[in-house]
């Protein structure tokens, strides 16, 4: 049963990805790219624990390529929302004008078509793999990966010297993996909730940090530099508080 649900979930996400892609192609709404990236991220989380499986390599590479392809445009979308929020409508407008072209570049990119092709081929390839007919072994493999990831997180949140950019990625990966397999996750509910809050706080800090870096290339953003720097510092303090709570709630190694 677990194996069937696993395959069905990836196929359902492939359908969601196609729908988001068509919305992006038509530029019909502001959430199309976000939803496309969520579908890709969830597929990556589902196949990530099986990274040693040769039949998964091509799909893993294809999802990673689409992630890299779409990240700059998603970052631009988030910046536009921030500029509008801060009352800089003109700056937001000039950047919004380029979005339609970027959406077209994404939908026409070979990375997208390659991902769709790999998703079409994946069910048959996975069925031929050593885990394709062994539900119990599939669960064991994924459970081991979950515990391994949580051990990495345990070490990371207790390491005060660990770069916060690296820790943000570690928190994200753990969150996405536990969300993908909630029934197999060893995290108690309060730890899972704390993990979500830590990710949100680190994400807010990272956004402001990146915007401060953009000021160095985009002079017209200079008037926002100090506000963003102050916000980044405040968000990092919030993140540190959330990380301390998460450290207390994580299960012992």
Protein backbone atom coordinates (compact mmCIF):
# COMPACT_ATOMS: atom_id res chain seq x y z
CA UNK A 1 0.00 0.00 0.00
CA UNK A 2 2.79 2.44 0.90
CA UNK A 3 4.51 1.88 -2.44
CA UNK A 4 1.31 2.53 -4.37
CA UNK A 5 0.66 5.72 -2.44
CA UNK A 6 4.24 6.83 -3.07
CA UNK A 7 3.98 6.43 -6.84
CA UNK A 8 0.49 7.96 -6.92
CA UNK A 9 1.67 11.04 -5.00
CA UNK A 10 4.43 11.74 -7.52
CA UNK A 11 1.98 11.27 -10.39
CA UNK A 12 -0.48 13.65 -8.70
CA UNK A 13 2.30 16.21 -8.35
CA UNK A 14 3.17 15.79 -12.02
CA UNK A 15 -0.45 16.68 -12.83
CA UNK A 16 -0.28 19.72 -10.54
CA UNK A 17 2.95 20.76 -12.24
CA UNK A 18 1.33 20.58 -15.68
CA UNK A 19 -1.58 22.73 -14.48
CA UNK A 20 0.71 25.37 -12.98
CA UNK A 21 2.80 25.33 -16.16
CA UNK A 22 -0.26 26.03 -18.32
CA UNK A 23 -1.25 28.91 -16.02
CA UNK A 24 2.27 30.32 -16.28
CA UNK A 25 2.21 29.90 -20.07
CA UNK A 26 -0.99 31.99 -20.23
CA UNK A 27 0.27 34.40 -17.52
CA UNK A 28 -3.18 34.03 -16.00
CA UNK A 29 -2.38 34.74 -12.34
CA UNK A 30 0.36 35.83 -9.94
CA UNK A 31 0.68 32.46 -8.19
CA UNK A 32 1.43 30.21 -11.17
CA UNK A 33 5.22 30.23 -10.81
CA UNK A 34 4.98 29.80 -7.05
CA UNK A 35 2.70 26.78 -7.46
CA UNK A 36 4.95 25.32 -10.15
CA UNK A 37 7.95 25.59 -7.84
CA UNK A 38 6.04 24.01 -4.95
CA UNK A 39 5.17 21.00 -7.13
CA UNK A 40 8.80 20.65 -8.20
CA UNK A 41 10.03 21.01 -4.62
CA UNK A 42 7.64 18.35 -3.36
CA UNK A 43 8.71 15.95 -6.10
CA UNK A 44 12.34 16.53 -5.11
CA UNK A 45 11.49 15.85 -1.48
CA UNK A 46 9.75 12.57 -2.36
CA UNK A 47 12.59 11.21 -4.46
CA UNK A 48 15.40 12.69 -2.37
CA UNK A 49 15.62 9.81 0.14
CA UNK A 50 16.22 7.43 -2.78
CA UNK A 51 19.20 9.35 -4.14
CA UNK A 52 21.24 6.13 -4.45
CA UNK A 53 18.64 4.56 -6.75
CA UNK A 54 19.96 4.80 -10.35
CA UNK A 55 16.44 4.97 -11.73
CA UNK A 56 15.88 8.22 -9.83
CA UNK A 57 19.00 10.06 -10.96
CA UNK A 58 17.57 11.56 -14.15
CA UNK A 59 14.43 12.86 -12.43
CA UNK A 60 16.45 14.30 -9.55
CA UNK A 61 18.68 16.18 -11.99
CA UNK A 62 15.68 17.41 -13.98
CA UNK A 63 13.91 18.81 -10.92
CA UNK A 64 17.11 20.48 -9.71
CA UNK A 65 17.58 22.12 -13.12
CA UNK A 66 14.05 23.57 -13.07
CA UNK A 67 14.64 24.81 -9.53
CA UNK A 68 17.74 26.69 -10.69
CA UNK A 69 15.92 27.97 -13.78
CA UNK A 70 12.99 29.47 -11.87
CA UNK A 71 14.70 30.84 -8.76
CA UNK A 72 15.75 34.26 -10.17
CA UNK A 73 12.25 34.98 -11.46
CA UNK A 74 10.64 33.94 -8.19
CA UNK A 75 13.09 36.19 -6.34
CA UNK A 76 12.02 39.04 -8.63
CA UNK A 77 8.35 38.37 -7.90
CA UNK A 78 9.01 38.59 -4.16
CA UNK A 79 11.01 41.80 -4.58
CA UNK A 80 8.18 43.39 -6.58
CA UNK A 81 5.72 42.60 -3.78
CA UNK A 82 8.11 44.18 -1.26
CA UNK A 83 8.59 47.33 -3.35
CA UNK A 84 4.85 47.72 -3.73
CA UNK A 85 4.39 47.21 0.02
CA UNK A 86 6.95 49.92 0.78
CA UNK A 87 5.20 52.38 -1.55
CA UNK A 88 7.70 52.25 -4.40
CA UNK A 89 5.13 51.60 -7.12
CA UNK A 90 7.28 52.96 -9.95
CA UNK A 91 10.20 50.68 -9.08
CA UNK A 92 7.81 47.76 -8.77
CA UNK A 93 6.24 48.59 -12.12
CA UNK A 94 9.49 48.69 -14.08
CA UNK A 95 10.40 45.26 -12.73
CA UNK A 96 6.93 43.84 -13.27
CA UNK A 97 7.19 44.73 -16.95
CA UNK A 98 9.94 42.15 -17.42
CA UNK A 99 8.05 39.30 -15.76
CA UNK A 100 6.03 38.27 -18.83
CA UNK A 101 9.25 37.81 -20.83
CA UNK A 102 10.80 35.79 -18.03
CA UNK A 103 7.70 33.61 -17.77
CA UNK A 104 7.93 32.88 -21.50
CA UNK A 105 11.61 32.02 -21.17
CA UNK A 106 10.77 29.55 -18.41
CA UNK A 107 7.90 27.85 -20.24
CA UNK A 108 9.97 27.56 -23.42
CA UNK A 109 13.13 26.40 -21.66
CA UNK A 110 14.43 22.91 -22.48
CA UNK A 111 14.73 22.24 -18.74
CA UNK A 112 10.95 22.31 -18.38
CA UNK A 113 10.32 19.95 -21.30
CA UNK A 114 13.03 17.62 -20.04
CA UNK A 115 11.37 17.47 -16.62
CA UNK A 116 8.01 16.58 -18.15
CA UNK A 117 9.67 13.83 -20.19
CA UNK A 118 11.40 12.40 -17.12
CA UNK A 119 8.15 12.44 -15.14
CA UNK A 120 6.46 10.48 -17.93
CA UNK A 121 9.22 7.87 -17.89
CA UNK A 122 9.72 7.65 -14.14
CA UNK A 123 6.86 5.29 -13.08
CA UNK A 124 8.02 2.52 -15.42
CA UNK A 125 11.68 3.04 -14.51
CA UNK A 126 10.91 3.00 -10.79
CA UNK A 127 8.83 -0.16 -11.17
CA UNK A 128 11.91 -1.91 -12.59
CA UNK A 129 14.13 -0.75 -9.72
CA UNK A 130 15.09 -2.80 -6.68
CA UNK A 131 12.52 -0.86 -4.61
CA UNK A 132 9.80 -0.85 -7.22
CA UNK A 133 8.03 -3.89 -5.80
CA UNK A 134 9.15 -3.87 -2.17
CA UNK A 135 6.96 -1.58 -0.07
CA UNK A 136 8.60 -2.57 3.22
CA UNK A 137 12.13 -1.86 1.99
CA UNK A 138 10.98 1.44 0.49
CA UNK A 139 9.65 2.51 3.90
CA UNK A 140 12.86 1.43 5.63
CA UNK A 141 14.99 3.34 3.14
CA UNK A 142 12.95 6.52 3.54
CA UNK A 143 12.88 6.20 7.35
CA UNK A 144 16.68 5.92 7.41
CA UNK A 145 16.96 9.05 5.27
CA UNK A 146 14.58 10.94 7.57
CA UNK A 147 16.54 10.01 10.67
CA UNK A 148 19.82 10.86 8.96
CA UNK A 149 18.50 14.30 7.99
CA UNK A 150 17.22 14.98 11.50
CA UNK A 151 20.60 14.02 12.95
CA UNK A 152 22.20 16.60 10.64
CA UNK A 153 19.67 19.19 11.82
CA UNK A 154 20.31 18.25 15.45
CA UNK A 155 24.02 18.90 14.97
CA UNK A 156 23.37 22.09 13.01
CA UNK A 157 21.07 23.83 15.49
CA UNK A 158 23.51 23.05 18.32
CA UNK A 159 26.44 24.51 16.36
CA UNK A 160 26.58 28.24 17.14
CA UNK A 161 29.35 28.73 14.56
CA UNK A 162 27.43 27.22 11.63
CA UNK A 163 26.80 29.77 8.87
CA UNK A 164 23.14 30.81 9.01
CA UNK A 165 22.77 30.45 5.25
CA UNK A 166 23.82 26.81 5.53
CA UNK A 167 21.55 26.31 8.51
CA UNK A 168 18.62 27.81 6.60
CA UNK A 169 19.11 25.23 3.85
CA UNK A 170 19.38 22.44 6.43
CA UNK A 171 16.14 23.57 8.10
CA UNK A 172 14.37 23.80 4.73
CA UNK A 173 15.44 20.33 3.63
CA UNK A 174 14.37 18.79 6.93
CA UNK A 175 11.01 20.55 6.84
CA UNK A 176 10.28 19.51 3.27
CA UNK A 177 11.32 15.92 3.92
CA UNK A 178 9.19 15.59 7.05
CA UNK A 179 6.25 17.19 5.22
CA UNK A 180 6.65 14.68 2.41
CA UNK A 181 6.56 11.70 4.79
CA UNK A 182 4.68 12.77 7.93
CA UNK A 183 3.79 9.20 8.92
CA UNK A 184 7.48 8.21 8.94
CA UNK A 185 8.88 11.31 10.61
CA UNK A 186 10.26 10.82 14.14
CA UNK A 187 9.61 14.49 14.97
CA UNK A 188 6.92 15.14 17.59
CA UNK A 189 4.21 17.64 16.65
CA UNK A 190 5.68 20.50 18.67
CA UNK A 191 9.09 20.02 17.07
CA UNK A 192 7.53 19.98 13.59
CA UNK A 193 5.68 23.23 14.35
CA UNK A 194 8.87 24.80 15.68
CA UNK A 195 10.72 23.70 12.56
CA UNK A 196 8.15 25.52 10.42
CA UNK A 197 8.54 28.72 12.46
CA UNK A 198 12.34 28.54 12.24
CA UNK A 199 12.15 28.16 8.47
CA UNK A 200 9.81 31.14 8.15
CA UNK A 201 12.05 33.34 10.30
CA UNK A 202 15.20 32.33 8.44
CA UNK A 203 13.41 32.87 5.14
CA UNK A 204 12.38 36.41 6.10
CA UNK A 205 15.95 37.18 7.18
CA UNK A 206 17.33 35.74 3.95
CA UNK A 207 14.98 37.84 1.81
CA UNK A 208 16.10 41.08 3.47
CA UNK A 209 19.75 40.01 3.30
CA UNK A 210 19.45 39.34 -0.44
CA UNK A 211 17.69 42.64 -1.04
CA UNK A 212 20.56 44.44 0.68
CA UNK A 213 22.93 42.74 -1.76
CA UNK A 214 20.80 43.87 -4.70
CA UNK A 215 21.27 47.48 -3.63
CA UNK A 216 24.92 47.12 -4.62
CA UNK A 217 23.91 46.43 -8.24
CA UNK A 218 20.72 48.52 -8.43
CA UNK A 219 21.36 52.09 -7.30
CA UNK A 220 17.67 53.04 -7.43
CA UNK A 221 17.10 50.80 -4.39
CA UNK A 222 19.56 52.75 -2.24
CA UNK A 223 16.83 54.54 -0.28
CA UNK A 224 15.63 51.16 1.03
CA UNK A 225 19.05 49.88 2.04
CA UNK A 226 18.97 50.92 5.70
CA UNK A 227 15.39 49.77 6.22
CA UNK A 228 16.24 46.37 4.78
CA UNK A 229 19.44 46.10 6.80
CA UNK A 230 17.55 46.88 10.02
CA UNK A 231 14.83 44.37 9.12
CA UNK A 232 17.45 41.70 8.36
CA UNK A 233 19.00 42.20 11.78
CA UNK A 234 15.61 41.99 13.51
CA UNK A 235 14.58 38.89 11.53
CA UNK A 236 17.84 37.18 12.41
CA UNK A 237 17.14 37.78 16.11
CA UNK A 238 13.69 36.21 15.66
CA UNK A 239 15.28 33.29 13.83
CA UNK A 240 17.84 32.72 16.57
CA UNK A 241 15.05 32.56 19.15
CA UNK A 242 13.15 30.06 17.00
CA UNK A 243 16.28 27.97 16.52
CA UNK A 244 16.92 27.80 20.26
CA UNK A 245 13.39 26.54 20.82
CA UNK A 246 13.78 24.03 18.00
CA UNK A 247 17.04 22.77 19.53
CA UNK A 248 15.21 22.00 22.80
CA UNK A 249 12.40 20.14 21.04
CA UNK A 250 14.37 17.93 18.68
CA UNK A 251 14.65 14.28 19.77
CA UNK A 252 18.00 13.23 21.17
CA UNK A 253 20.38 11.59 18.75
